[in-house]
Amino acid sequence: MTVDLKAKFHDQWQHSNLREQVARLWLQMFGVEAEPTGFGTLNPGTLEGFHTNPMEKYDFYVPALKVFFEVTGTSWRRFESAKRFKTPVIPILKAKVDFAEYFDIAGRVWFIAVAEAQGEVRFFPCSRARDFPTGHFAQGEGEYYMVPWDAWWTPGRAMRRILGSVWEE
Protein backbone atom coordinates (compact mmCIF):
# COMPACT_ATOMS: atom_id res chain seq x y z
CA MET A 1 0.00 0.00 0.00
CA THR A 2 1.38 3.38 -1.00
CA VAL A 3 0.48 6.47 0.97
CA ASP A 4 -0.37 9.73 -0.81
CA LEU A 5 2.28 11.83 0.93
CA LYS A 6 0.90 15.10 -0.41
CA ALA A 7 -2.45 14.38 1.22
CA LYS A 8 -0.95 12.95 4.41
CA PHE A 9 1.31 15.95 5.05
CA HIS A 10 -0.95 18.65 3.58
CA ASP A 11 -1.25 20.40 6.95
CA GLN A 12 2.54 20.48 7.38
CA TRP A 13 3.60 22.32 4.21
CA GLN A 14 3.64 25.71 5.92
CA HIS A 15 5.88 24.32 8.67
CA SER A 16 8.17 22.83 6.02
CA ASN A 17 8.37 26.25 4.39
CA LEU A 18 9.58 27.72 7.69
CA ARG A 19 12.37 25.12 7.77
CA GLU A 20 13.27 26.09 4.20
CA GLN A 21 13.45 29.74 5.22
CA VAL A 22 15.70 28.91 8.19
CA ALA A 23 18.00 26.81 5.99
CA ARG A 24 18.22 29.56 3.39
CA LEU A 25 19.12 32.11 6.08
CA TRP A 26 21.92 29.86 7.33
CA LEU A 27 23.30 29.61 3.81
CA GLN A 28 23.09 33.39 3.43
CA MET A 29 25.04 33.87 6.67
CA PHE A 30 27.91 32.06 4.97
CA GLY A 31 27.55 34.17 1.83
CA VAL A 32 25.89 31.39 -0.14
CA GLU A 33 23.05 32.65 -2.33
CA ALA A 34 20.71 29.72 -2.86
CA GLU A 35 17.95 29.92 -5.44
CA PRO A 36 14.69 28.19 -4.57
CA THR A 37 14.19 25.67 -7.36
CA GLY A 38 12.37 22.74 -5.79
CA PHE A 39 8.83 21.85 -6.67
CA GLY A 40 6.90 23.66 -3.92
CA THR A 41 9.90 25.19 -2.16
CA LEU A 42 8.79 28.19 -0.09
CA ASN A 43 5.22 27.60 -1.30
CA PRO A 44 2.74 26.76 1.48
CA GLY A 45 0.17 25.30 -0.90
CA THR A 46 -0.12 21.81 -2.32
CA LEU A 47 0.91 21.81 -5.97
CA GLU A 48 -0.36 19.45 -8.63
CA GLY A 49 2.21 17.24 -10.31
CA PHE A 50 5.64 16.07 -9.28
CA HIS A 51 9.30 16.83 -9.89
CA THR A 52 10.97 15.52 -13.04
CA ASN A 53 14.57 16.73 -12.75
CA PRO A 54 17.13 17.72 -10.08
CA MET A 55 16.19 21.40 -10.21
CA GLU A 56 12.65 20.51 -9.20
CA LYS A 57 13.59 17.70 -6.80
CA TYR A 58 15.87 19.61 -4.42
CA ASP A 59 14.83 22.74 -2.57
CA PHE A 60 17.73 25.03 -3.45
CA TYR A 61 20.43 25.34 -6.07
CA VAL A 62 23.58 27.45 -5.88
CA PRO A 63 24.72 28.14 -9.46
CA ALA A 64 28.11 29.54 -8.41
CA LEU A 65 28.93 26.26 -6.63
CA LYS A 66 26.79 23.87 -8.73
CA VAL A 67 25.44 22.47 -5.45
CA PHE A 68 21.91 21.42 -4.49
CA PHE A 69 20.44 21.60 -0.98
CA GLU A 70 17.47 19.61 0.26
CA VAL A 71 15.82 20.73 3.48
CA THR A 72 14.57 18.19 5.97
CA GLY A 73 14.15 18.23 9.69
CA THR A 74 12.54 16.91 12.80
CA SER A 75 10.34 18.26 15.54
CA TRP A 76 11.78 15.64 17.89
CA ARG A 77 14.57 16.27 20.35
CA ARG A 78 17.53 13.91 20.54
CA PHE A 79 16.23 12.00 23.54
CA GLU A 80 12.84 11.47 21.87
CA SER A 81 14.51 10.06 18.78
CA ALA A 82 16.72 7.81 20.94
CA LYS A 83 13.62 6.35 22.62
CA ARG A 84 12.30 5.18 19.27
CA PHE A 85 15.51 4.20 17.45
CA LYS A 86 18.06 3.17 20.12
CA THR A 87 20.30 6.04 19.04
CA PRO A 88 19.08 9.51 18.02
CA VAL A 89 18.70 9.82 14.24
CA ILE A 90 17.74 12.42 11.68
CA PRO A 91 16.44 10.39 8.75
CA ILE A 92 16.99 11.02 5.04
CA LEU A 93 14.42 9.81 2.55
CA LYS A 94 16.08 7.09 0.47
CA ALA A 95 14.26 8.23 -2.67
CA LYS A 96 16.10 11.59 -2.47
CA VAL A 97 19.45 9.78 -2.44
CA ASP A 98 18.39 7.40 -5.22
CA PHE A 99 17.37 10.37 -7.38
CA ALA A 100 20.75 12.05 -6.88
CA GLU A 101 22.56 8.84 -7.80
CA TYR A 102 20.38 8.32 -10.87
CA PHE A 103 21.32 11.79 -12.15
CA ASP A 104 24.95 11.32 -11.03
CA ILE A 105 24.91 14.38 -8.74
CA ALA A 106 25.15 12.76 -5.28
CA GLY A 107 28.49 14.50 -4.72
CA ARG A 108 26.78 17.86 -5.26
CA VAL A 109 23.72 17.35 -3.04
CA TRP A 110 23.62 18.30 0.64
CA PHE A 111 20.83 17.80 3.13
CA ILE A 112 20.07 20.51 5.68
CA ALA A 113 18.21 19.36 8.78
CA VAL A 114 16.38 21.94 10.85
CA ALA A 115 15.69 20.44 14.26
CA GLU A 116 13.60 23.22 15.75
CA ALA A 117 12.83 21.60 19.11
CA GLN A 118 16.53 20.93 19.62
CA GLY A 119 17.51 24.38 18.32
CA GLU A 120 19.95 22.99 15.74
CA VAL A 121 20.72 23.22 12.05
CA ARG A 122 22.85 20.40 10.64
CA PHE A 123 24.24 19.47 7.23
CA PHE A 124 24.92 16.09 5.66
CA PRO A 125 26.49 15.14 2.30
CA CYS A 126 24.23 12.97 0.17
CA SER A 127 27.23 10.90 -0.92
CA ARG A 128 27.54 9.49 2.62
CA ALA A 129 23.91 8.50 3.19
CA ARG A 130 24.44 4.90 2.06
CA ASP A 131 26.92 4.45 4.92
CA PHE A 132 23.90 4.00 7.20
CA PRO A 133 21.11 1.42 7.45
CA THR A 134 17.62 2.05 6.20
CA GLY A 135 14.42 1.91 8.21
CA HIS A 136 10.73 2.82 8.10
CA PHE A 137 8.60 5.30 10.04
CA ALA A 138 5.11 4.44 8.93
CA GLN A 139 3.50 1.90 6.65
CA GLY A 140 3.64 2.86 2.99
CA GLU A 141 6.07 5.75 3.36
CA GLY A 142 9.16 4.15 1.87
CA GLU A 143 12.62 3.78 3.32
CA TYR A 144 14.80 6.32 5.08
CA TYR A 145 18.51 6.28 5.80
CA MET A 146 18.79 6.30 9.56
CA VAL A 147 21.64 8.79 9.91
CA PRO A 148 22.75 9.16 13.54
CA TRP A 149 22.30 12.67 14.87
CA ASP A 150 26.02 12.95 15.66
CA ALA A 151 26.95 12.05 12.07
CA TRP A 152 25.33 15.27 10.82
CA TRP A 153 27.78 18.13 10.35
CA THR A 154 27.76 21.56 11.94
CA PRO A 155 27.16 24.40 9.49
CA GLY A 156 30.79 25.55 9.82
CA ARG A 157 32.19 22.10 9.00
CA ALA A 158 29.87 21.77 6.00
CA MET A 159 30.78 25.21 4.66
CA ARG A 160 34.50 24.43 4.97
CA ARG A 161 33.90 21.40 2.75
CA ILE A 162 31.57 23.15 0.31
CA LEU A 163 33.41 26.47 0.04
CA GLY A 164 36.96 25.21 0.52
CA SER A 165 39.81 27.09 2.10
CA VAL A 166 37.76 30.24 2.66
CA TRP A 167 36.47 28.63 5.87
CA GLU A 168 39.61 26.83 7.05
CA GLU A 169 40.25 27.16 10.76
C-alpha atoms as a PDB file:
ATOM      1  CA  MET A   1       0.000   0.000   0.000  1.00  0.00           C
ATOM      2  CA  THR A   2       1.375   3.380  -1.002  1.00  0.00           C
ATOM      3  CA  VAL A   3       0.484   6.470   0.970  1.00  0.00           C
ATOM      4  CA  ASP A   4      -0.369   9.729  -0.810  1.00  0.00           C
ATOM      5  CA  LEU A   5       2.281  11.825   0.934  1.00  0.00           C
ATOM      6  CA  LYS A   6       0.897  15.104  -0.407  1.00  0.00           C
ATOM      7  CA  ALA A   7      -2.452  14.376   1.222  1.00  0.00           C
ATOM      8  CA  LYS A   8      -0.949  12.952   4.408  1.00  0.00           C
ATOM      9  CA  PHE A   9       1.313  15.951   5.046  1.00  0.00           C
ATOM     10  CA  HIS A  10      -0.951  18.652   3.583  1.00  0.00           C
ATOM     11  CA  ASP A  11      -1.253  20.402   6.948  1.00  0.00           C
ATOM     12  CA  GLN A  12       2.539  20.481   7.380  1.00  0.00           C
ATOM     13  CA  TRP A  13       3.598  22.319   4.207  1.00  0.00           C
ATOM     14  CA  GLN A  14       3.641  25.705   5.919  1.00  0.00           C
ATOM     15  CA  HIS A  15       5.879  24.318   8.674  1.00  0.00           C
ATOM     16  CA  SER A  16       8.170  22.835   6.016  1.00  0.00           C
ATOM     17  CA  ASN A  17       8.375  26.250   4.390  1.00  0.00           C
ATOM     18  CA  LEU A  18       9.581  27.720   7.686  1.00  0.00           C
ATOM     19  CA  ARG A  19      12.367  25.121   7.772  1.00  0.00           C
ATOM     20  CA  GLU A  20      13.267  26.086   4.196  1.00  0.00           C
ATOM     21  CA  GLN A  21      13.451  29.742   5.218  1.00  0.00           C
ATOM     22  CA  VAL A  22      15.696  28.908   8.190  1.00  0.00           C
ATOM     23  CA  ALA A  23      17.997  26.808   5.991  1.00  0.00           C
ATOM     24  CA  ARG A  24      18.224  29.557   3.392  1.00  0.00           C
ATOM     25  CA  LEU A  25      19.117  32.110   6.075  1.00  0.00           C
ATOM     26  CA  TRP A  26      21.923  29.857   7.334  1.00  0.00           C
ATOM     27  CA  LEU A  27      23.297  29.608   3.811  1.00  0.00           C
ATOM     28  CA  GLN A  28      23.088  33.390   3.435  1.00  0.00           C
ATOM     29  CA  MET A  29      25.036  33.872   6.673  1.00  0.00           C
ATOM     30  CA  PHE A  30      27.913  32.060   4.967  1.00  0.00           C
ATOM     31  CA  GLY A  31      27.554  34.174   1.831  1.00  0.00           C
ATOM     32  CA  VAL A  32      25.887  31.392  -0.144  1.00  0.00           C
ATOM     33  CA  GLU A  33      23.052  32.652  -2.335  1.00  0.00           C
ATOM     34  CA  ALA A  34      20.713  29.716  -2.863  1.00  0.00           C
ATOM     35  CA  GLU A  35      17.953  29.924  -5.439  1.00  0.00           C
ATOM     36  CA  PRO A  36      14.685  28.186  -4.567  1.00  0.00           C
ATOM     37  CA  THR A  37      14.187  25.668  -7.357  1.00  0.00           C
ATOM     38  CA  GLY A  38      12.373  22.742  -5.786  1.00  0.00           C
ATOM     39  CA  PHE A  39       8.826  21.855  -6.668  1.00  0.00           C
ATOM     40  CA  GLY A  40       6.899  23.656  -3.922  1.00  0.00           C
ATOM     41  CA  THR A  41       9.905  25.188  -2.156  1.00  0.00           C
ATOM     42  CA  LEU A  42       8.786  28.194  -0.086  1.00  0.00           C
ATOM     43  CA  ASN A  43       5.221  27.605  -1.297  1.00  0.00           C
ATOM     44  CA  PRO A  44       2.740  26.763   1.484  1.00  0.00           C
ATOM     45  CA  GLY A  45       0.167  25.298  -0.897  1.00  0.00           C
ATOM     46  CA  THR A  46      -0.115  21.813  -2.323  1.00  0.00           C
ATOM     47  CA  LEU A  47       0.907  21.814  -5.973  1.00  0.00           C
ATOM     48  CA  GLU A  48      -0.356  19.453  -8.635  1.00  0.00           C
ATOM     49  CA  GLY A  49       2.214  17.241 -10.313  1.00  0.00           C
ATOM     50  CA  PHE A  50       5.643  16.067  -9.281  1.00  0.00           C
ATOM     51  CA  HIS A  51       9.304  16.828  -9.891  1.00  0.00           C
ATOM     52  CA  THR A  52      10.965  15.519 -13.038  1.00  0.00           C
ATOM     53  CA  ASN A  53      14.565  16.731 -12.748  1.00  0.00           C
ATOM     54  CA  PRO A  54      17.130  17.720 -10.082  1.00  0.00           C
ATOM     55  CA  MET A  55      16.195  21.400 -10.209  1.00  0.00           C
ATOM     56  CA  GLU A  56      12.646  20.510  -9.200  1.00  0.00           C
ATOM     57  CA  LYS A  57      13.593  17.701  -6.797  1.00  0.00           C
ATOM     58  CA  TYR A  58      15.872  19.610  -4.421  1.00  0.00           C
ATOM     59  CA  ASP A  59      14.834  22.738  -2.566  1.00  0.00           C
ATOM     60  CA  PHE A  60      17.728  25.035  -3.448  1.00  0.00           C
ATOM     61  CA  TYR A  61      20.433  25.338  -6.069  1.00  0.00           C
ATOM     62  CA  VAL A  62      23.577  27.453  -5.876  1.00  0.00           C
ATOM     63  CA  PRO A  63      24.721  28.144  -9.461  1.00  0.00           C
ATOM     64  CA  ALA A  64      28.113  29.542  -8.406  1.00  0.00           C
ATOM     65  CA  LEU A  65      28.933  26.257  -6.632  1.00  0.00           C
ATOM     66  CA  LYS A  66      26.786  23.874  -8.729  1.00  0.00           C
ATOM     67  CA  VAL A  67      25.437  22.473  -5.448  1.00  0.00           C
ATOM     68  CA  PHE A  68      21.906  21.415  -4.495  1.00  0.00           C
ATOM     69  CA  PHE A  69      20.444  21.603  -0.983  1.00  0.00           C
ATOM     70  CA  GLU A  70      17.468  19.608   0.261  1.00  0.00           C
ATOM     71  CA  VAL A  71      15.820  20.734   3.483  1.00  0.00           C
ATOM     72  CA  THR A  72      14.570  18.189   5.968  1.00  0.00           C
ATOM     73  CA  GLY A  73      14.151  18.229   9.692  1.00  0.00           C
ATOM     74  CA  THR A  74      12.543  16.907  12.798  1.00  0.00           C
ATOM     75  CA  SER A  75      10.342  18.255  15.544  1.00  0.00           C
ATOM     76  CA  TRP A  76      11.781  15.636  17.891  1.00  0.00           C
ATOM     77  CA  ARG A  77      14.565  16.275  20.348  1.00  0.00           C
ATOM     78  CA  ARG A  78      17.526  13.913  20.536  1.00  0.00           C
ATOM     79  CA  PHE A  79      16.232  12.000  23.542  1.00  0.00           C
ATOM     80  CA  GLU A  80      12.840  11.470  21.866  1.00  0.00           C
ATOM     81  CA  SER A  81      14.513  10.057  18.775  1.00  0.00           C
ATOM     82  CA  ALA A  82      16.717   7.810  20.938  1.00  0.00           C
ATOM     83  CA  LYS A  83      13.619   6.351  22.620  1.00  0.00           C
ATOM     84  CA  ARG A  84      12.304   5.182  19.266  1.00  0.00           C
ATOM     85  CA  PHE A  85      15.506   4.201  17.448  1.00  0.00           C
ATOM     86  CA  LYS A  86      18.064   3.172  20.120  1.00  0.00           C
ATOM     87  CA  THR A  87      20.295   6.043  19.035  1.00  0.00           C
ATOM     88  CA  PRO A  88      19.084   9.507  18.015  1.00  0.00           C
ATOM     89  CA  VAL A  89      18.703   9.818  14.243  1.00  0.00           C
ATOM     90  CA  ILE A  90      17.744  12.424  11.684  1.00  0.00           C
ATOM     91  CA  PRO A  91      16.443  10.393   8.752  1.00  0.00           C
ATOM     92  CA  ILE A  92      16.986  11.024   5.044  1.00  0.00           C
ATOM     93  CA  LEU A  93      14.418   9.808   2.550  1.00  0.00           C
ATOM     94  CA  LYS A  94      16.082   7.093   0.471  1.00  0.00           C
ATOM     95  CA  ALA A  95      14.261   8.234  -2.669  1.00  0.00           C
ATOM     96  CA  LYS A  96      16.097  11.591  -2.471  1.00  0.00           C
ATOM     97  CA  VAL A  97      19.447   9.783  -2.443  1.00  0.00           C
ATOM     98  CA  ASP A  98      18.389   7.397  -5.220  1.00  0.00           C
ATOM     99  CA  PHE A  99      17.368  10.372  -7.376  1.00  0.00           C
ATOM    100  CA  ALA A 100      20.754  12.050  -6.881  1.00  0.00           C
ATOM    101  CA  GLU A 101      22.558   8.843  -7.800  1.00  0.00           C
ATOM    102  CA  TYR A 102      20.384   8.316 -10.872  1.00  0.00           C
ATOM    103  CA  PHE A 103      21.318  11.790 -12.145  1.00  0.00           C
ATOM    104  CA  ASP A 104      24.950  11.323 -11.028  1.00  0.00           C
ATOM    105  CA  ILE A 105      24.912  14.378  -8.743  1.00  0.00           C
ATOM    106  CA  ALA A 106      25.149  12.757  -5.281  1.00  0.00           C
ATOM    107  CA  GLY A 107      28.487  14.498  -4.715  1.00  0.00           C
ATOM    108  CA  ARG A 108      26.778  17.857  -5.263  1.00  0.00           C
ATOM    109  CA  VAL A 109      23.722  17.350  -3.043  1.00  0.00           C
ATOM    110  CA  TRP A 110      23.623  18.301   0.644  1.00  0.00           C
ATOM    111  CA  PHE A 111      20.830  17.804   3.132  1.00  0.00           C
ATOM    112  CA  ILE A 112      20.072  20.510   5.682  1.00  0.00           C
ATOM    113  CA  ALA A 113      18.211  19.361   8.784  1.00  0.00           C
ATOM    114  CA  VAL A 114      16.382  21.944  10.845  1.00  0.00           C
ATOM    115  CA  ALA A 115      15.692  20.442  14.260  1.00  0.00           C
ATOM    116  CA  GLU A 116      13.601  23.215  15.746  1.00  0.00           C
ATOM    117  CA  ALA A 117      12.832  21.596  19.113  1.00  0.00           C
ATOM    118  CA  GLN A 118      16.534  20.929  19.620  1.00  0.00           C
ATOM    119  CA  GLY A 119      17.513  24.378  18.319  1.00  0.00           C
ATOM    120  CA  GLU A 120      19.945  22.989  15.735  1.00  0.00           C
ATOM    121  CA  VAL A 121      20.723  23.219  12.047  1.00  0.00           C
ATOM    122  CA  ARG A 122      22.850  20.402  10.638  1.00  0.00           C
ATOM    123  CA  PHE A 123      24.236  19.475   7.229  1.00  0.00           C
ATOM    124  CA  PHE A 124      24.920  16.087   5.657  1.00  0.00           C
ATOM    125  CA  PRO A 125      26.490  15.136   2.303  1.00  0.00           C
ATOM    126  CA  CYS A 126      24.229  12.968   0.171  1.00  0.00           C
ATOM    127  CA  SER A 127      27.226  10.904  -0.919  1.00  0.00           C
ATOM    128  CA  ARG A 128      27.544   9.494   2.623  1.00  0.00           C
ATOM    129  CA  ALA A 129      23.907   8.496   3.192  1.00  0.00           C
ATOM    130  CA  ARG A 130      24.443   4.904   2.055  1.00  0.00           C
ATOM    131  CA  ASP A 131      26.919   4.448   4.916  1.00  0.00           C
ATOM    132  CA  PHE A 132      23.903   3.999   7.198  1.00  0.00           C
ATOM    133  CA  PRO A 133      21.114   1.417   7.446  1.00  0.00           C
ATOM    134  CA  THR A 134      17.615   2.045   6.204  1.00  0.00           C
ATOM    135  CA  GLY A 135      14.423   1.911   8.214  1.00  0.00           C
ATOM    136  CA  HIS A 136      10.732   2.821   8.101  1.00  0.00           C
ATOM    137  CA  PHE A 137       8.605   5.300  10.037  1.00  0.00           C
ATOM    138  CA  ALA A 138       5.107   4.436   8.933  1.00  0.00           C
ATOM    139  CA  GLN A 139       3.498   1.899   6.652  1.00  0.00           C
ATOM    140  CA  GLY A 140       3.640   2.861   2.987  1.00  0.00           C
ATOM    141  CA  GLU A 141       6.075   5.747   3.356  1.00  0.00           C
ATOM    142  CA  GLY A 142       9.160   4.147   1.870  1.00  0.00           C
ATOM    143  CA  GLU A 143      12.616   3.784   3.320  1.00  0.00           C
ATOM    144  CA  TYR A 144      14.796   6.323   5.080  1.00  0.00           C
ATOM    145  CA  TYR A 145      18.510   6.280   5.796  1.00  0.00           C
ATOM    146  CA  MET A 146      18.793   6.304   9.564  1.00  0.00           C
ATOM    147  CA  VAL A 147      21.644   8.790   9.914  1.00  0.00           C
ATOM    148  CA  PRO A 148      22.747   9.162  13.542  1.00  0.00           C
ATOM    149  CA  TRP A 149      22.304  12.675  14.873  1.00  0.00           C
ATOM    150  CA  ASP A 150      26.016  12.949  15.658  1.00  0.00           C
ATOM    151  CA  ALA A 151      26.947  12.048  12.066  1.00  0.00           C
ATOM    152  CA  TRP A 152      25.332  15.268  10.825  1.00  0.00           C
ATOM    153  CA  TRP A 153      27.778  18.129  10.348  1.00  0.00           C
ATOM    154  CA  THR A 154      27.760  21.557  11.942  1.00  0.00           C
ATOM    155  CA  PRO A 155      27.162  24.402   9.488  1.00  0.00           C
ATOM    156  CA  GLY A 156      30.790  25.553   9.817  1.00  0.00           C
ATOM    157  CA  ARG A 157      32.187  22.102   8.996  1.00  0.00           C
ATOM    158  CA  ALA A 158      29.872  21.767   5.997  1.00  0.00           C
ATOM    159  CA  MET A 159      30.784  25.211   4.664  1.00  0.00           C
ATOM    160  CA  ARG A 160      34.499  24.430   4.971  1.00  0.00           C
ATOM    161  CA  ARG A 161      33.901  21.398   2.747  1.00  0.00           C
ATOM    162  CA  ILE A 162      31.570  23.149   0.311  1.00  0.00           C
ATOM    163  CA  LEU A 163      33.407  26.467   0.042  1.00  0.00           C
ATOM    164  CA  GLY A 164      36.960  25.209   0.519  1.00  0.00           C
ATOM    165  CA  SER A 165      39.808  27.088   2.099  1.00  0.00           C
ATOM    166  CA  VAL A 166      37.758  30.237   2.663  1.00  0.00           C
ATOM    167  CA  TRP A 167      36.472  28.635   5.868  1.00  0.00           C
ATOM    168  CA  GLU A 168      39.611  26.825   7.048  1.00  0.00           C
ATOM    169  CA  GLU A 169      40.252  27.165  10.762  1.00  0.00           C
END
